[in-house]
Amino acid sequence: MGYLAYWNHNVAYYDWIKNRTIECRDILDVGCGDGSLVRYLDDGRRMIIGIDADKECINYALNKSDSNNVQFICNHFETYNFEKKFDAVIFVASIHHMDMTAAVHKAKFILKPAGVILIVGLARPSTLIDWAVEIFRVIPCIIMSKIRHMQSNEKTNMPVLYDFLTMDEIRTIADVLLPSARIRYGLYYRYLLWWKKQ
């Protein structure tokens, strides 16, 4: 597995992703940014593709990787024509950069039977419970971010967007397109979604 050059609220969930893709042989990281997750998952036994529309991110990812099992594509996920299907399609803080409904449809289409969709996402609170969770994770997040010397995406020159769907909107999309999806809150201002194609 690759070395992590920095830690932030997205990197915090790389082990959650790794543990759910152990048996996956073909993996797609959508909105791969600088390729850190691709490198982290690369164990020499499977093919991992990262796609991102940002040219600087892809150039950086290419310069940092020398693995024969890794490929990076500079293109828009929604319109790119993939020539293969995947055991896992992963979105880490990237699906809010797209139309979520269209992105999920595309992810399902390129997923093999028994493949998984994993989303580490950001959302605006909808309910009182959502707001309570948001409030209660502020102090632990601040403490852990200082302990781990957090390096934000802005500092690594990756594109950021703060226009999020609400949790209710995300739950509705999941109910319609990803029945039986598991959604839970993560500590670091993220929700975690796991869905397996039947």
Protein backbone atom coordinates (compact mmCIF):
# COMPACT_ATOMS: atom_id res chain seq x y z
CA MET A 1 0.00 0.00 0.00
CA GLY A 2 1.17 3.53 -0.72
CA TYR A 3 2.56 6.05 1.70
CA LEU A 4 0.39 8.98 2.79
CA ALA A 5 2.24 12.27 2.40
CA TYR A 6 -0.35 14.21 4.41
CA TRP A 7 -3.54 13.83 6.45
CA ASN A 8 -6.88 15.59 6.16
CA HIS A 9 -10.60 14.91 6.61
CA ASN A 10 -10.70 12.90 3.37
CA VAL A 11 -7.55 10.89 3.98
CA ALA A 12 -9.03 9.93 7.36
CA TYR A 13 -11.38 7.55 5.53
CA TYR A 14 -8.84 5.81 3.30
CA ASP A 15 -8.72 2.81 5.63
CA TRP A 16 -12.54 2.61 5.60
CA ILE A 17 -12.31 2.41 1.79
CA LYS A 18 -9.40 -0.04 1.82
CA ASN A 19 -11.26 -2.43 4.12
CA ARG A 20 -14.26 -2.47 1.76
CA THR A 21 -12.26 -3.03 -1.42
CA ILE A 22 -9.94 -5.84 -0.31
CA GLU A 23 -11.42 -8.30 -2.81
CA CYS A 24 -11.81 -5.75 -5.62
CA ARG A 25 -9.55 -6.20 -8.63
CA ASP A 26 -10.67 -3.24 -10.80
CA ILE A 27 -11.19 0.04 -8.95
CA LEU A 28 -12.17 3.51 -10.15
CA ASP A 29 -11.49 6.62 -8.06
CA VAL A 30 -13.75 9.40 -9.33
CA GLY A 31 -12.39 12.90 -8.75
CA CYS A 32 -9.03 11.41 -7.80
CA GLY A 33 -7.33 14.76 -7.22
CA ASP A 34 -3.59 14.28 -6.70
CA GLY A 35 -3.94 10.49 -6.80
CA SER A 36 -3.24 9.90 -3.11
CA LEU A 37 -6.05 7.34 -2.68
CA VAL A 38 -5.04 5.51 -5.86
CA ARG A 39 -1.47 5.23 -4.59
CA TYR A 40 -2.68 4.18 -1.14
CA LEU A 41 -4.79 1.33 -2.54
CA ASP A 42 -2.16 0.15 -5.02
CA ASP A 43 -0.82 -3.16 -3.73
CA GLY A 44 0.45 -4.47 -7.08
CA ARG A 45 -2.35 -7.03 -7.37
CA ARG A 46 -5.11 -5.00 -9.02
CA MET A 47 -5.81 -2.27 -11.57
CA ILE A 48 -6.73 1.14 -10.19
CA ILE A 49 -7.85 4.05 -12.35
CA GLY A 50 -8.17 7.64 -11.19
CA ILE A 51 -10.20 10.14 -13.19
CA ASP A 52 -10.31 13.89 -12.67
CA ALA A 53 -11.18 16.83 -14.89
CA ASP A 54 -8.45 19.03 -13.39
CA LYS A 55 -5.30 18.89 -15.52
CA GLU A 56 -2.96 20.06 -12.75
CA CYS A 57 -4.20 17.32 -10.43
CA ILE A 58 -3.73 14.63 -13.05
CA ASN A 59 -0.24 15.89 -13.95
CA TYR A 60 0.72 15.79 -10.28
CA ALA A 61 -0.74 12.28 -9.90
CA LEU A 62 1.16 11.05 -12.96
CA ASN A 63 4.42 12.50 -11.68
CA LYS A 64 3.97 10.80 -8.29
CA SER A 65 3.14 7.34 -9.61
CA ASP A 66 5.37 4.80 -11.32
CA SER A 67 3.14 1.75 -10.89
CA ASN A 68 2.14 -0.43 -13.83
CA ASN A 69 -1.17 -1.13 -12.09
CA VAL A 70 -2.26 2.51 -11.98
CA GLN A 71 -3.76 4.71 -14.67
CA PHE A 72 -4.86 8.35 -14.54
CA ILE A 73 -7.38 9.93 -16.91
CA CYS A 74 -7.91 13.67 -17.34
CA ASN A 75 -11.58 13.89 -18.23
CA HIS A 76 -15.10 14.39 -16.87
CA PHE A 77 -16.47 11.26 -15.25
CA GLU A 78 -20.03 11.98 -16.38
CA THR A 79 -19.17 11.98 -20.09
CA TYR A 80 -16.12 9.70 -20.32
CA ASN A 81 -16.68 6.38 -22.12
CA PHE A 82 -15.11 3.65 -20.01
CA GLU A 83 -14.05 0.52 -21.87
CA LYS A 84 -14.32 -1.73 -18.83
CA LYS A 85 -16.42 -2.28 -15.74
CA PHE A 86 -15.30 -2.07 -12.14
CA ASP A 87 -15.55 -3.93 -8.86
CA ALA A 88 -15.60 -0.63 -6.98
CA VAL A 89 -16.43 2.96 -7.89
CA ILE A 90 -15.30 5.44 -5.25
CA PHE A 91 -16.12 9.10 -4.67
CA VAL A 92 -14.13 10.93 -1.98
CA ALA A 93 -15.38 14.49 -1.49
CA SER A 94 -16.02 14.61 -5.24
CA ILE A 95 -19.64 13.73 -5.93
CA HIS A 96 -20.85 17.19 -4.88
CA HIS A 97 -18.84 18.57 -7.81
CA MET A 98 -21.28 16.75 -10.13
CA ASP A 99 -24.96 16.16 -10.53
CA MET A 100 -25.28 13.38 -7.96
CA THR A 101 -28.17 11.62 -9.67
CA ALA A 102 -26.32 11.45 -12.99
CA ALA A 103 -23.08 10.41 -11.29
CA VAL A 104 -24.75 7.57 -9.40
CA HIS A 105 -26.50 6.36 -12.57
CA LYS A 106 -23.13 6.30 -14.36
CA ALA A 107 -21.42 4.55 -11.45
CA LYS A 108 -24.08 1.83 -11.41
CA PHE A 109 -23.79 1.35 -15.17
CA ILE A 110 -20.01 0.73 -15.07
CA LEU A 111 -20.17 -1.48 -11.98
CA LYS A 112 -19.75 -5.25 -12.22
CA PRO A 113 -22.27 -7.56 -10.54
CA ALA A 114 -21.59 -7.60 -6.78
CA GLY A 115 -19.50 -4.44 -7.22
CA VAL A 116 -19.63 -1.65 -4.66
CA ILE A 117 -20.13 2.10 -4.69
CA LEU A 118 -18.39 3.95 -1.87
CA ILE A 119 -19.03 7.62 -1.19
CA VAL A 120 -17.23 9.79 1.33
CA GLY A 121 -19.33 12.90 0.95
CA LEU A 122 -20.18 16.29 2.33
CA ALA A 123 -23.71 17.52 2.96
CA ARG A 124 -25.69 20.25 4.64
CA PRO A 125 -27.73 19.21 7.69
CA SER A 126 -31.47 18.74 7.16
CA THR A 127 -32.99 17.54 10.44
CA LEU A 128 -32.49 18.32 14.11
CA ILE A 129 -30.50 15.10 14.39
CA ASP A 130 -28.29 16.21 11.49
CA TRP A 131 -27.64 19.51 13.23
CA ALA A 132 -26.92 17.79 16.54
CA VAL A 133 -24.36 15.55 14.87
CA GLU A 134 -22.81 18.57 13.15
CA ILE A 135 -22.44 20.39 16.47
CA PHE A 136 -21.11 17.43 18.46
CA ARG A 137 -18.34 16.64 16.00
CA VAL A 138 -16.86 20.15 15.93
CA ILE A 139 -14.63 19.86 19.01
CA PRO A 140 -13.30 16.32 18.29
CA CYS A 141 -12.57 17.44 14.72
CA ILE A 142 -10.64 20.48 15.87
CA ILE A 143 -8.61 18.42 18.35
CA MET A 144 -7.81 15.60 15.92
CA SER A 145 -7.00 18.02 13.10
CA LYS A 146 -4.38 19.70 15.29
CA ILE A 147 -2.96 16.39 16.51
CA ARG A 148 -2.71 15.03 12.97
CA HIS A 149 -1.46 18.33 11.49
CA MET A 150 -4.26 18.54 8.96
CA GLN A 151 -3.36 19.69 5.45
CA SER A 152 -6.49 20.92 3.68
CA ASN A 153 -7.23 20.42 -0.01
CA GLU A 154 -6.77 24.14 -0.53
CA LYS A 155 -3.17 23.81 0.66
CA THR A 156 -2.56 20.98 -1.79
CA ASN A 157 -4.02 23.09 -4.65
CA MET A 158 -6.92 20.75 -5.34
CA PRO A 159 -10.23 22.21 -6.54
CA VAL A 160 -12.76 22.71 -3.75
CA LEU A 161 -16.49 23.41 -3.81
CA TYR A 162 -18.70 24.26 -0.86
CA ASP A 163 -22.08 23.89 -2.53
CA PHE A 164 -23.48 20.72 -0.96
CA LEU A 165 -26.79 18.91 -1.18
CA THR A 166 -28.70 18.46 2.07
CA MET A 167 -28.70 15.13 3.87
CA ASP A 168 -32.39 14.75 3.01
CA GLU A 169 -31.62 15.18 -0.69
CA ILE A 170 -28.84 12.60 -0.45
CA ARG A 171 -31.08 10.16 1.40
CA THR A 172 -33.77 10.59 -1.26
CA ILE A 173 -31.33 9.93 -4.11
CA ALA A 174 -29.98 6.87 -2.29
CA ASP A 175 -33.48 5.53 -1.59
CA VAL A 176 -34.37 5.74 -5.29
CA LEU A 177 -31.10 4.73 -6.96
CA LEU A 178 -29.25 2.76 -4.30
CA PRO A 179 -31.84 0.75 -2.39
CA SER A 180 -30.43 -0.89 0.74
CA ALA A 181 -27.46 1.52 0.76
CA ARG A 182 -25.89 2.01 4.16
CA ILE A 183 -25.39 5.64 5.11
CA ARG A 184 -23.81 6.82 8.35
CA TYR A 185 -22.09 9.87 9.71
CA GLY A 186 -18.33 10.04 9.90
CA LEU A 187 -16.48 12.08 12.50
CA TYR A 188 -14.75 14.47 10.13
CA TYR A 189 -17.76 16.36 8.69
CA ARG A 190 -18.45 13.55 6.22
CA TYR A 191 -21.17 11.02 5.54
CA LEU A 192 -20.19 7.50 4.43
CA LEU A 193 -22.28 5.57 1.92
CA TRP A 194 -21.77 1.92 0.98
CA TRP A 195 -23.85 0.07 -1.64
CA LYS A 196 -23.42 -3.34 -3.23
CA LYS A 197 -24.86 -4.17 -6.64
CA GLN A 198 -27.12 -7.22 -6.51
